Amino acid sequence: MHEINTAVAAYRAPVLADALKRLSAHNAAGEEYLTDVIATFVAEGRRVGAVLADVAETAGVNDRVQLAEAGRLLRDRVLRHWMRSGVTVIDPAATWVDVDVRLAADVVLEPGVQLRGSTSVAAGARIGPDCTLTDTVVGAGAIVIRAHAESAEIARTRRSDRLPTCDPVPDWTAAPRWVRTSR
């Protein structure tokens, strides 16, 4: 196994400030090195530790290709969390869920879904395909298809709450003249 220093460090501010005052430039380059603080802490018997990290978590982002790769890794991690929590994601590659979104168990996310901001989706709801919901609350059992909503509340509707539908004319002979067609 190879180890590298990703140059990510965490210090208590007063302790670091004191150590920085004691850095020395007595080396071949004549420079002060922040990493020398670790040696100072070890010499003083202070607690020093390292954290093992996945190489993908410490990768740099220097261009738009790397930014897209970092976004994909974040998307995959967030969706993996929700799927392990009981959410069905039909096509993870075509689904985006922001880190602040809250999903209940038994939610189904179809392809083309983007859940952004503080959106929350209650148990049994089905979202998608092709939905973008931002800061939206979706009620239990609601079905949302091809919708774009921002700061909205979407509740489940009962069949009797829907708009009336037009029923076909039961008897063509009794229909008004303008409804009849010639055969």
N, C-alpha and C. Protein backbone atom coordinates (compact mmCIF):
# COMPACT_ATOMS: atom_id res chain seq x y z
N MET A 1 0.85 -1.18 0.00
CA MET A 1 0.00 0.00 0.00
C MET A 1 0.89 1.24 0.00
N HIS A 2 0.52 2.22 -0.81
CA HIS A 2 1.27 3.47 -0.88
C HIS A 2 0.52 4.54 -0.12
N GLU A 3 1.25 5.34 0.63
CA GLU A 3 0.65 6.45 1.35
C GLU A 3 1.11 7.76 0.74
N ILE A 4 0.20 8.72 0.71
CA ILE A 4 0.56 10.07 0.26
C ILE A 4 -0.01 11.07 1.24
N ASN A 5 0.55 12.24 1.27
CA ASN A 5 0.02 13.34 2.08
C ASN A 5 -0.84 14.19 1.16
N THR A 6 -2.13 14.26 1.44
CA THR A 6 -3.03 15.03 0.58
C THR A 6 -3.01 16.51 0.92
N ALA A 7 -2.22 16.89 1.91
CA ALA A 7 -2.10 18.28 2.36
C ALA A 7 -3.38 18.78 3.00
N VAL A 8 -4.17 17.87 3.53
CA VAL A 8 -5.35 18.25 4.30
C VAL A 8 -5.01 18.00 5.76
N ALA A 9 -5.13 19.02 6.58
CA ALA A 9 -4.79 18.89 7.99
C ALA A 9 -5.78 19.67 8.83
N ALA A 10 -5.95 19.24 10.06
CA ALA A 10 -6.82 19.94 11.00
C ALA A 10 -6.04 20.15 12.29
N TYR A 11 -6.06 21.38 12.77
CA TYR A 11 -5.34 21.73 13.99
C TYR A 11 -6.25 22.57 14.89
N ARG A 12 -5.96 22.57 16.17
CA ARG A 12 -6.58 23.55 17.06
C ARG A 12 -5.82 24.86 16.84
N ALA A 13 -6.54 25.93 16.60
CA ALA A 13 -5.93 27.20 16.19
C ALA A 13 -4.84 27.69 17.15
N PRO A 14 -5.07 27.75 18.46
CA PRO A 14 -4.01 28.28 19.34
C PRO A 14 -2.74 27.41 19.33
N VAL A 15 -2.91 26.09 19.25
CA VAL A 15 -1.77 25.19 19.23
C VAL A 15 -0.98 25.36 17.94
N LEU A 16 -1.69 25.48 16.81
CA LEU A 16 -1.03 25.68 15.53
C LEU A 16 -0.31 27.03 15.50
N ALA A 17 -0.94 28.07 15.99
CA ALA A 17 -0.33 29.40 15.99
C ALA A 17 1.00 29.38 16.73
N ASP A 18 1.04 28.68 17.87
CA ASP A 18 2.27 28.59 18.64
C ASP A 18 3.34 27.81 17.86
N ALA A 19 2.94 26.72 17.22
CA ALA A 19 3.89 25.90 16.47
C ALA A 19 4.43 26.66 15.25
N LEU A 20 3.60 27.46 14.61
CA LEU A 20 4.05 28.22 13.44
C LEU A 20 5.15 29.21 13.81
N LYS A 21 5.08 29.76 14.99
CA LYS A 21 6.12 30.71 15.44
C LYS A 21 7.47 30.03 15.58
N ARG A 22 7.44 28.72 15.78
CA ARG A 22 8.68 27.99 16.03
C ARG A 22 9.21 27.26 14.80
N LEU A 23 8.60 27.44 13.63
CA LEU A 23 9.10 26.81 12.41
C LEU A 23 10.47 27.38 12.06
N SER A 24 11.27 26.56 11.41
CA SER A 24 12.61 26.97 11.05
C SER A 24 12.81 26.80 9.55
N ALA A 25 13.64 27.66 8.99
CA ALA A 25 13.98 27.56 7.57
C ALA A 25 15.37 26.94 7.40
N HIS A 26 15.84 26.21 8.41
CA HIS A 26 17.15 25.56 8.34
C HIS A 26 17.04 24.25 7.58
N ASN A 27 16.97 24.36 6.25
CA ASN A 27 16.94 23.19 5.37
C ASN A 27 17.54 23.60 4.04
N ALA A 28 17.69 22.64 3.14
CA ALA A 28 18.37 22.90 1.86
C ALA A 28 17.70 23.99 1.04
N ALA A 29 16.36 24.10 1.12
CA ALA A 29 15.66 25.10 0.33
C ALA A 29 15.55 26.44 1.06
N GLY A 30 15.87 26.45 2.34
CA GLY A 30 15.77 27.68 3.11
C GLY A 30 14.31 28.12 3.29
N GLU A 31 13.40 27.14 3.37
CA GLU A 31 11.98 27.46 3.49
C GLU A 31 11.39 26.86 4.76
N GLU A 32 10.30 27.46 5.20
CA GLU A 32 9.54 26.90 6.32
C GLU A 32 8.48 25.96 5.75
N TYR A 33 8.33 24.79 6.36
CA TYR A 33 7.37 23.80 5.89
C TYR A 33 6.30 23.57 6.94
N LEU A 34 5.06 23.72 6.55
CA LEU A 34 3.95 23.47 7.46
C LEU A 34 3.96 22.03 7.98
N THR A 35 4.40 21.10 7.14
CA THR A 35 4.45 19.71 7.57
C THR A 35 5.43 19.48 8.73
N ASP A 36 6.36 20.42 8.95
CA ASP A 36 7.28 20.30 10.08
C ASP A 36 6.54 20.44 11.41
N VAL A 37 5.36 21.02 11.39
CA VAL A 37 4.56 21.15 12.61
C VAL A 37 4.28 19.77 13.20
N ILE A 38 4.06 18.79 12.33
CA ILE A 38 3.77 17.42 12.80
C ILE A 38 4.97 16.89 13.59
N ALA A 39 6.17 17.07 13.07
CA ALA A 39 7.37 16.61 13.79
C ALA A 39 7.50 17.32 15.13
N THR A 40 7.18 18.59 15.16
CA THR A 40 7.22 19.35 16.42
C THR A 40 6.24 18.77 17.42
N PHE A 41 5.03 18.48 16.98
CA PHE A 41 4.01 17.91 17.87
C PHE A 41 4.44 16.54 18.39
N VAL A 42 5.01 15.71 17.52
CA VAL A 42 5.47 14.39 17.94
C VAL A 42 6.58 14.53 18.99
N ALA A 43 7.53 15.43 18.75
CA ALA A 43 8.63 15.66 19.69
C ALA A 43 8.12 16.14 21.04
N GLU A 44 7.02 16.88 21.05
CA GLU A 44 6.43 17.39 22.29
C GLU A 44 5.50 16.37 22.94
N GLY A 45 5.29 15.23 22.29
CA GLY A 45 4.41 14.21 22.85
C GLY A 45 2.93 14.49 22.63
N ARG A 46 2.63 15.40 21.72
CA ARG A 46 1.22 15.69 21.41
C ARG A 46 0.65 14.57 20.55
N ARG A 47 -0.66 14.45 20.61
CA ARG A 47 -1.35 13.42 19.83
C ARG A 47 -1.40 13.83 18.35
N VAL A 48 -0.94 12.95 17.49
CA VAL A 48 -0.94 13.17 16.05
C VAL A 48 -1.52 11.91 15.41
N GLY A 49 -2.39 12.09 14.43
CA GLY A 49 -2.99 10.93 13.79
C GLY A 49 -3.15 11.14 12.30
N ALA A 50 -3.45 10.06 11.65
CA ALA A 50 -3.70 10.09 10.20
C ALA A 50 -5.04 9.43 9.93
N VAL A 51 -5.66 9.82 8.86
CA VAL A 51 -6.94 9.25 8.47
C VAL A 51 -6.77 8.60 7.10
N LEU A 52 -7.21 7.35 7.01
CA LEU A 52 -7.19 6.70 5.70
C LEU A 52 -8.38 7.17 4.90
N ALA A 53 -8.15 7.56 3.69
CA ALA A 53 -9.23 8.07 2.83
C ALA A 53 -9.18 7.36 1.49
N ASP A 54 -10.33 7.25 0.88
CA ASP A 54 -10.42 6.72 -0.47
C ASP A 54 -9.76 7.73 -1.40
N VAL A 55 -8.99 7.26 -2.35
CA VAL A 55 -8.29 8.16 -3.26
C VAL A 55 -9.27 9.09 -3.98
N ALA A 56 -10.48 8.61 -4.25
CA ALA A 56 -11.47 9.45 -4.93
C ALA A 56 -11.91 10.62 -4.05
N GLU A 57 -11.88 10.43 -2.73
CA GLU A 57 -12.30 11.50 -1.81
C GLU A 57 -11.29 12.62 -1.72
N THR A 58 -10.07 12.34 -2.10
CA THR A 58 -9.03 13.35 -1.98
C THR A 58 -8.54 13.87 -3.33
N ALA A 59 -9.19 13.43 -4.40
CA ALA A 59 -8.77 13.84 -5.74
C ALA A 59 -8.98 15.33 -5.94
N GLY A 60 -8.08 15.94 -6.63
CA GLY A 60 -8.21 17.36 -6.93
C GLY A 60 -9.17 17.60 -8.08
N VAL A 61 -9.67 18.82 -8.14
CA VAL A 61 -10.56 19.23 -9.23
C VAL A 61 -9.90 20.42 -9.90
N ASN A 62 -9.34 20.16 -11.08
CA ASN A 62 -8.60 21.19 -11.79
C ASN A 62 -9.22 21.61 -13.11
N ASP A 63 -10.25 20.88 -13.54
CA ASP A 63 -10.93 21.24 -14.78
C ASP A 63 -12.35 20.71 -14.74
N ARG A 64 -13.10 20.96 -15.78
CA ARG A 64 -14.51 20.57 -15.79
C ARG A 64 -14.71 19.07 -15.90
N VAL A 65 -13.76 18.37 -16.48
CA VAL A 65 -13.85 16.90 -16.53
C VAL A 65 -13.75 16.35 -15.11
N GLN A 66 -12.77 16.82 -14.35
CA GLN A 66 -12.62 16.36 -12.97
C GLN A 66 -13.78 16.81 -12.10
N LEU A 67 -14.34 17.97 -12.38
CA LEU A 67 -15.52 18.43 -11.64
C LEU A 67 -16.70 17.51 -11.88
N ALA A 68 -16.90 17.10 -13.13
CA ALA A 68 -17.98 16.17 -13.45
C ALA A 68 -17.75 14.83 -12.77
N GLU A 69 -16.52 14.36 -12.73
CA GLU A 69 -16.21 13.09 -12.06
C GLU A 69 -16.49 13.19 -10.57
N ALA A 70 -16.13 14.31 -9.96
CA ALA A 70 -16.41 14.51 -8.53
C ALA A 70 -17.92 14.55 -8.28
N GLY A 71 -18.67 15.18 -9.18
CA GLY A 71 -20.12 15.22 -9.07
C GLY A 71 -20.73 13.84 -9.17
N ARG A 72 -20.21 13.02 -10.08
CA ARG A 72 -20.70 11.64 -10.22
C ARG A 72 -20.44 10.84 -8.95
N LEU A 73 -19.27 11.01 -8.36
CA LEU A 73 -18.95 10.30 -7.12
C LEU A 73 -19.89 10.71 -5.99
N LEU A 74 -20.17 12.01 -5.91
CA LEU A 74 -21.10 12.49 -4.89
C LEU A 74 -22.50 11.93 -5.14
N ARG A 75 -22.96 11.99 -6.39
CA ARG A 75 -24.28 11.45 -6.73
C ARG A 75 -24.37 9.98 -6.34
N ASP A 76 -23.36 9.21 -6.71
CA ASP A 76 -23.37 7.78 -6.41
C ASP A 76 -23.42 7.53 -4.91
N ARG A 77 -22.66 8.29 -4.14
CA ARG A 77 -22.64 8.11 -2.68
C ARG A 77 -24.00 8.45 -2.07
N VAL A 78 -24.60 9.54 -2.49
CA VAL A 78 -25.90 9.95 -1.96
C VAL A 78 -26.97 8.92 -2.32
N LEU A 79 -27.00 8.49 -3.58
CA LEU A 79 -28.01 7.51 -4.00
C LEU A 79 -27.81 6.16 -3.32
N ARG A 80 -26.56 5.75 -3.13
CA ARG A 80 -26.29 4.49 -2.43
C ARG A 80 -26.86 4.55 -1.01
N HIS A 81 -26.67 5.68 -0.34
CA HIS A 81 -27.24 5.86 1.01
C HIS A 81 -28.75 5.69 1.00
N TRP A 82 -29.43 6.36 0.06
CA TRP A 82 -30.90 6.30 0.02
C TRP A 82 -31.40 4.92 -0.37
N MET A 83 -30.72 4.26 -1.31
CA MET A 83 -31.16 2.92 -1.70
C MET A 83 -31.01 1.94 -0.54
N ARG A 84 -29.95 2.09 0.25
CA ARG A 84 -29.78 1.23 1.43
C ARG A 84 -30.78 1.58 2.53
N SER A 85 -31.41 2.73 2.42
CA SER A 85 -32.43 3.15 3.39
C SER A 85 -33.84 2.83 2.92
N GLY A 86 -33.97 2.10 1.81
CA GLY A 86 -35.29 1.66 1.36
C GLY A 86 -35.90 2.43 0.22
N VAL A 87 -35.14 3.30 -0.43
CA VAL A 87 -35.63 4.06 -1.58
C VAL A 87 -35.26 3.28 -2.84
N THR A 88 -36.20 3.18 -3.78
CA THR A 88 -35.93 2.52 -5.06
C THR A 88 -35.53 3.58 -6.08
N VAL A 89 -34.36 3.42 -6.66
CA VAL A 89 -33.88 4.32 -7.71
C VAL A 89 -33.75 3.47 -8.96
N ILE A 90 -34.65 3.69 -9.92
CA ILE A 90 -34.71 2.86 -11.12
C ILE A 90 -33.43 2.96 -11.95
N ASP A 91 -32.92 4.19 -12.15
CA ASP A 91 -31.72 4.39 -12.96
C ASP A 91 -30.82 5.41 -12.27
N PRO A 92 -29.92 4.95 -11.41
CA PRO A 92 -29.06 5.89 -10.68
C PRO A 92 -28.27 6.84 -11.58
N ALA A 93 -27.89 6.40 -12.76
CA ALA A 93 -27.11 7.26 -13.65
C ALA A 93 -27.93 8.44 -14.18
N ALA A 94 -29.27 8.33 -14.10
CA ALA A 94 -30.14 9.38 -14.62
C ALA A 94 -30.93 10.05 -13.49
N THR A 95 -30.37 10.04 -12.27
CA THR A 95 -31.07 10.58 -11.11
C THR A 95 -30.11 11.42 -10.30
N TRP A 96 -30.56 12.58 -9.83
CA TRP A 96 -29.75 13.44 -8.97
C TRP A 96 -30.54 13.79 -7.72
N VAL A 97 -29.94 13.60 -6.55
CA VAL A 97 -30.55 13.96 -5.29
C VAL A 97 -29.53 14.77 -4.50
N ASP A 98 -29.86 16.04 -4.20
CA ASP A 98 -28.97 16.89 -3.41
C ASP A 98 -28.78 16.32 -2.00
N VAL A 99 -27.70 16.72 -1.35
CA VAL A 99 -27.39 16.18 -0.03
C VAL A 99 -28.37 16.60 1.05
N ASP A 100 -29.11 17.70 0.86
CA ASP A 100 -30.07 18.16 1.88
C ASP A 100 -31.47 17.59 1.68
N VAL A 101 -31.70 16.82 0.63
CA VAL A 101 -33.01 16.22 0.36
C VAL A 101 -33.26 15.12 1.38
N ARG A 102 -34.54 14.97 1.79
CA ARG A 102 -34.92 13.92 2.73
C ARG A 102 -35.95 13.01 2.06
N LEU A 103 -35.69 11.70 2.10
CA LEU A 103 -36.56 10.72 1.46
C LEU A 103 -36.98 9.68 2.50
N ALA A 104 -38.25 9.31 2.48
CA ALA A 104 -38.74 8.25 3.35
C ALA A 104 -38.56 6.90 2.65
N ALA A 105 -38.69 5.85 3.41
CA ALA A 105 -38.62 4.51 2.82
C ALA A 105 -39.78 4.31 1.86
N ASP A 106 -39.59 3.42 0.92
CA ASP A 106 -40.61 3.05 -0.07
C ASP A 106 -40.93 4.16 -1.07
N VAL A 107 -40.06 5.13 -1.21
CA VAL A 107 -40.16 6.13 -2.28
C VAL A 107 -39.56 5.50 -3.52
N VAL A 108 -40.14 5.80 -4.69
CA VAL A 108 -39.60 5.30 -5.97
C VAL A 108 -39.21 6.52 -6.80
N LEU A 109 -37.97 6.52 -7.29
CA LEU A 109 -37.48 7.58 -8.15
C LEU A 109 -37.25 6.99 -9.54
N GLU A 110 -37.99 7.50 -10.50
CA GLU A 110 -37.89 7.06 -11.90
C GLU A 110 -36.73 7.81 -12.58
N PRO A 111 -36.35 7.42 -13.79
CA PRO A 111 -35.27 8.12 -14.50
C PRO A 111 -35.62 9.59 -14.78
N GLY A 112 -34.58 10.40 -14.82
CA GLY A 112 -34.75 11.81 -15.13
C GLY A 112 -35.21 12.65 -13.96
N VAL A 113 -35.05 12.16 -12.74
CA VAL A 113 -35.49 12.90 -11.55
C VAL A 113 -34.32 13.69 -10.99
N GLN A 114 -34.60 14.96 -10.66
CA GLN A 114 -33.65 15.81 -9.95
C GLN A 114 -34.37 16.37 -8.73
N LEU A 115 -33.89 16.02 -7.56
CA LEU A 115 -34.44 16.54 -6.31
C LEU A 115 -33.40 17.48 -5.72
N ARG A 116 -33.80 18.74 -5.57
CA ARG A 116 -32.83 19.78 -5.19
C ARG A 116 -33.24 20.48 -3.91
N GLY A 117 -32.24 21.14 -3.32
CA GLY A 117 -32.50 21.97 -2.14
C GLY A 117 -33.01 21.15 -0.97
N SER A 118 -34.04 21.68 -0.31
CA SER A 118 -34.57 21.03 0.89
C SER A 118 -35.82 20.22 0.59
N THR A 119 -35.90 19.66 -0.58
CA THR A 119 -37.05 18.83 -0.96
C THR A 119 -37.18 17.64 -0.01
N SER A 120 -38.43 17.30 0.34
CA SER A 120 -38.67 16.10 1.14
C SER A 120 -39.79 15.30 0.49
N VAL A 121 -39.64 13.98 0.53
CA VAL A 121 -40.61 13.09 -0.11
C VAL A 121 -41.03 12.05 0.93
N ALA A 122 -42.35 11.96 1.17
CA ALA A 122 -42.88 11.05 2.18
C ALA A 122 -43.02 9.63 1.63
N ALA A 123 -43.26 8.71 2.54
CA ALA A 123 -43.32 7.28 2.22
C ALA A 123 -44.32 6.97 1.12
N GLY A 124 -43.94 6.05 0.25
CA GLY A 124 -44.83 5.56 -0.79
C GLY A 124 -45.01 6.46 -1.98
N ALA A 125 -44.35 7.61 -2.00
CA ALA A 125 -44.49 8.51 -3.15
C ALA A 125 -43.69 7.97 -4.32
N ARG A 126 -44.13 8.33 -5.52
CA ARG A 126 -43.45 7.92 -6.75
C ARG A 126 -43.18 9.19 -7.54
N ILE A 127 -41.89 9.42 -7.86
CA ILE A 127 -41.48 10.65 -8.54
C ILE A 127 -40.89 10.26 -9.89
N GLY A 128 -41.42 10.89 -10.94
CA GLY A 128 -40.87 10.70 -12.26
C GLY A 128 -41.70 9.78 -13.11
N PRO A 129 -41.26 9.67 -14.35
CA PRO A 129 -40.00 10.17 -14.88
C PRO A 129 -40.03 11.68 -15.14
N ASP A 130 -38.85 12.21 -15.36
CA ASP A 130 -38.67 13.59 -15.82
C ASP A 130 -39.26 14.62 -14.88
N CYS A 131 -38.75 14.67 -13.65
CA CYS A 131 -39.21 15.66 -12.67
C CYS A 131 -38.02 16.41 -12.09
N THR A 132 -38.21 17.71 -11.91
CA THR A 132 -37.26 18.53 -11.17
C THR A 132 -38.04 19.20 -10.05
N LEU A 133 -37.73 18.84 -8.82
CA LEU A 133 -38.41 19.40 -7.65
C LEU A 133 -37.37 20.11 -6.79
N THR A 134 -37.60 21.38 -6.50
CA THR A 134 -36.69 22.19 -5.71
C THR A 134 -37.42 22.73 -4.49
N ASP A 135 -36.89 22.48 -3.31
CA ASP A 135 -37.50 22.96 -2.06
C ASP A 135 -38.99 22.62 -2.01
N THR A 136 -39.32 21.41 -2.37
CA THR A 136 -40.71 20.98 -2.51
C THR A 136 -41.01 19.86 -1.52
N VAL A 137 -42.23 19.84 -1.00
CA VAL A 137 -42.69 18.79 -0.09
C VAL A 137 -43.66 17.91 -0.85
N VAL A 138 -43.36 16.61 -0.89
CA VAL A 138 -44.23 15.64 -1.57
C VAL A 138 -44.83 14.74 -0.50
N GLY A 139 -46.15 14.67 -0.47
CA GLY A 139 -46.86 13.90 0.55
C GLY A 139 -46.81 12.41 0.32
N ALA A 140 -47.20 11.67 1.35
CA ALA A 140 -47.21 10.21 1.30
C ALA A 140 -48.11 9.72 0.17
N GLY A 141 -47.59 8.79 -0.61
CA GLY A 141 -48.37 8.17 -1.67
C GLY A 141 -48.59 9.03 -2.90
N ALA A 142 -48.05 10.22 -2.94
CA ALA A 142 -48.25 11.10 -4.11
C ALA A 142 -47.51 10.53 -5.31
N ILE A 143 -48.05 10.81 -6.48
CA ILE A 143 -47.42 10.41 -7.75
C ILE A 143 -47.18 11.69 -8.53
N VAL A 144 -45.92 11.92 -8.89
CA VAL A 144 -45.55 13.14 -9.61
C VAL A 144 -44.85 12.71 -10.90
N ILE A 145 -45.44 13.11 -12.03
CA ILE A 145 -44.91 12.71 -13.33
C ILE A 145 -44.64 13.95 -14.17
N ARG A 146 -43.47 14.02 -14.78
CA ARG A 146 -43.08 15.10 -15.69
C ARG A 146 -43.47 16.47 -15.15
N ALA A 147 -42.92 16.79 -13.99
CA ALA A 147 -43.27 18.05 -13.34
C ALA A 147 -42.01 18.82 -12.96
N HIS A 148 -42.15 20.14 -12.96
CA HIS A 148 -41.12 21.02 -12.45
C HIS A 148 -41.79 21.86 -11.38
N ALA A 149 -41.29 21.77 -10.16
CA ALA A 149 -41.92 22.49 -9.06
C ALA A 149 -40.85 23.10 -8.17
N GLU A 150 -41.14 24.31 -7.68
CA GLU A 150 -40.23 24.99 -6.77
C GLU A 150 -41.05 25.54 -5.62
N SER A 151 -40.61 25.26 -4.40
CA SER A 151 -41.29 25.72 -3.17
C SER A 151 -42.77 25.35 -3.21
N ALA A 152 -43.05 24.11 -3.58
CA ALA A 152 -44.43 23.65 -3.71
C ALA A 152 -44.73 22.57 -2.69
N GLU A 153 -46.02 22.31 -2.50
CA GLU A 153 -46.47 21.18 -1.70
C GLU A 153 -47.34 20.32 -2.61
N ILE A 154 -46.99 19.06 -2.72
CA ILE A 154 -47.72 18.14 -3.59
C ILE A 154 -48.29 17.04 -2.72
N ALA A 155 -49.61 16.93 -2.73
CA ALA A 155 -50.28 15.92 -1.91
C ALA A 155 -50.89 14.85 -2.79
N ARG A 156 -51.14 13.72 -2.19
CA ARG A 156 -51.82 12.64 -2.90
C ARG A 156 -53.26 13.07 -3.15
N THR A 157 -53.77 12.79 -4.32
CA THR A 157 -55.17 13.11 -4.61
C THR A 157 -55.97 11.82 -4.70
N ARG A 158 -57.20 11.91 -4.25
CA ARG A 158 -58.10 10.76 -4.40
C ARG A 158 -58.69 10.82 -5.79
N ARG A 159 -59.09 9.70 -6.30
CA ARG A 159 -59.66 9.65 -7.65
C ARG A 159 -60.86 10.59 -7.77
N SER A 160 -61.67 10.71 -6.72
CA SER A 160 -62.85 11.57 -6.78
C SER A 160 -62.49 13.05 -6.77
N ASP A 161 -61.23 13.39 -6.41
CA ASP A 161 -60.81 14.79 -6.40
C ASP A 161 -60.35 15.26 -7.77
N ARG A 162 -60.20 14.36 -8.70
CA ARG A 162 -59.68 14.75 -10.01
C ARG A 162 -60.75 15.48 -10.81
N LEU A 163 -60.31 16.17 -11.82
CA LEU A 163 -61.23 16.89 -12.68
C LEU A 163 -62.17 15.90 -13.37
N PRO A 164 -63.41 16.32 -13.65
CA PRO A 164 -64.32 15.39 -14.33
C PRO A 164 -63.79 15.03 -15.71
N THR A 165 -64.10 13.83 -16.14
CA THR A 165 -63.68 13.39 -17.46
C THR A 165 -64.88 13.35 -18.38
N CYS A 166 -64.63 13.36 -19.64
CA CYS A 166 -65.71 13.27 -20.63
C CYS A 166 -65.95 11.81 -20.94
N ASP A 167 -67.14 11.36 -20.67
CA ASP A 167 -67.50 9.98 -20.97
C ASP A 167 -67.95 9.89 -22.42
N PRO A 168 -67.71 8.76 -23.08
CA PRO A 168 -68.16 8.62 -24.47
C PRO A 168 -69.69 8.60 -24.53
N VAL A 169 -70.21 9.05 -25.63
CA VAL A 169 -71.66 9.04 -25.83
C VAL A 169 -72.09 7.58 -25.93
N PRO A 170 -73.02 7.13 -25.08
CA PRO A 170 -73.34 5.70 -25.06
C PRO A 170 -74.06 5.21 -26.30
N ASP A 171 -74.84 6.06 -26.95
CA ASP A 171 -75.63 5.60 -28.10
C ASP A 171 -75.49 6.61 -29.21
N TRP A 172 -74.85 6.21 -30.30
CA TRP A 172 -74.61 7.15 -31.39
C TRP A 172 -75.90 7.68 -31.99
N THR A 173 -76.90 6.93 -31.97
CA THR A 173 -78.15 7.39 -32.58
C THR A 173 -78.80 8.48 -31.75
N ALA A 174 -78.52 8.50 -30.45
CA ALA A 174 -79.11 9.52 -29.59
C ALA A 174 -78.23 10.76 -29.48
N ALA A 175 -77.06 10.70 -30.08
CA ALA A 175 -76.14 11.82 -29.97
C ALA A 175 -76.62 12.99 -30.82
N PRO A 176 -76.27 14.20 -30.42
CA PRO A 176 -76.63 15.36 -31.25
C PRO A 176 -76.03 15.21 -32.65
N ARG A 177 -76.65 15.89 -33.59
CA ARG A 177 -76.27 15.77 -34.98
C ARG A 177 -74.79 16.10 -35.21
N TRP A 178 -74.25 17.08 -34.49
CA TRP A 178 -72.86 17.48 -34.74
C TRP A 178 -71.85 16.45 -34.21
N VAL A 179 -72.30 15.49 -33.40
CA VAL A 179 -71.41 14.46 -32.89
C VAL A 179 -71.35 13.30 -33.87
N ARG A 180 -72.43 13.07 -34.64
CA ARG A 180 -72.48 11.93 -35.55
C ARG A 180 -71.50 12.11 -36.69
N THR A 181 -70.97 11.02 -37.10
CA THR A 181 -70.10 11.04 -38.27
C THR A 181 -70.70 10.14 -39.33
N SER A 182 -70.40 10.45 -40.56
CA SER A 182 -70.90 9.58 -41.63
C SER A 182 -69.92 8.44 -41.82
N ARG A 183 -70.48 7.32 -42.18
CA ARG A 183 -69.63 6.14 -42.34
C ARG A 183 -69.46 5.81 -43.77
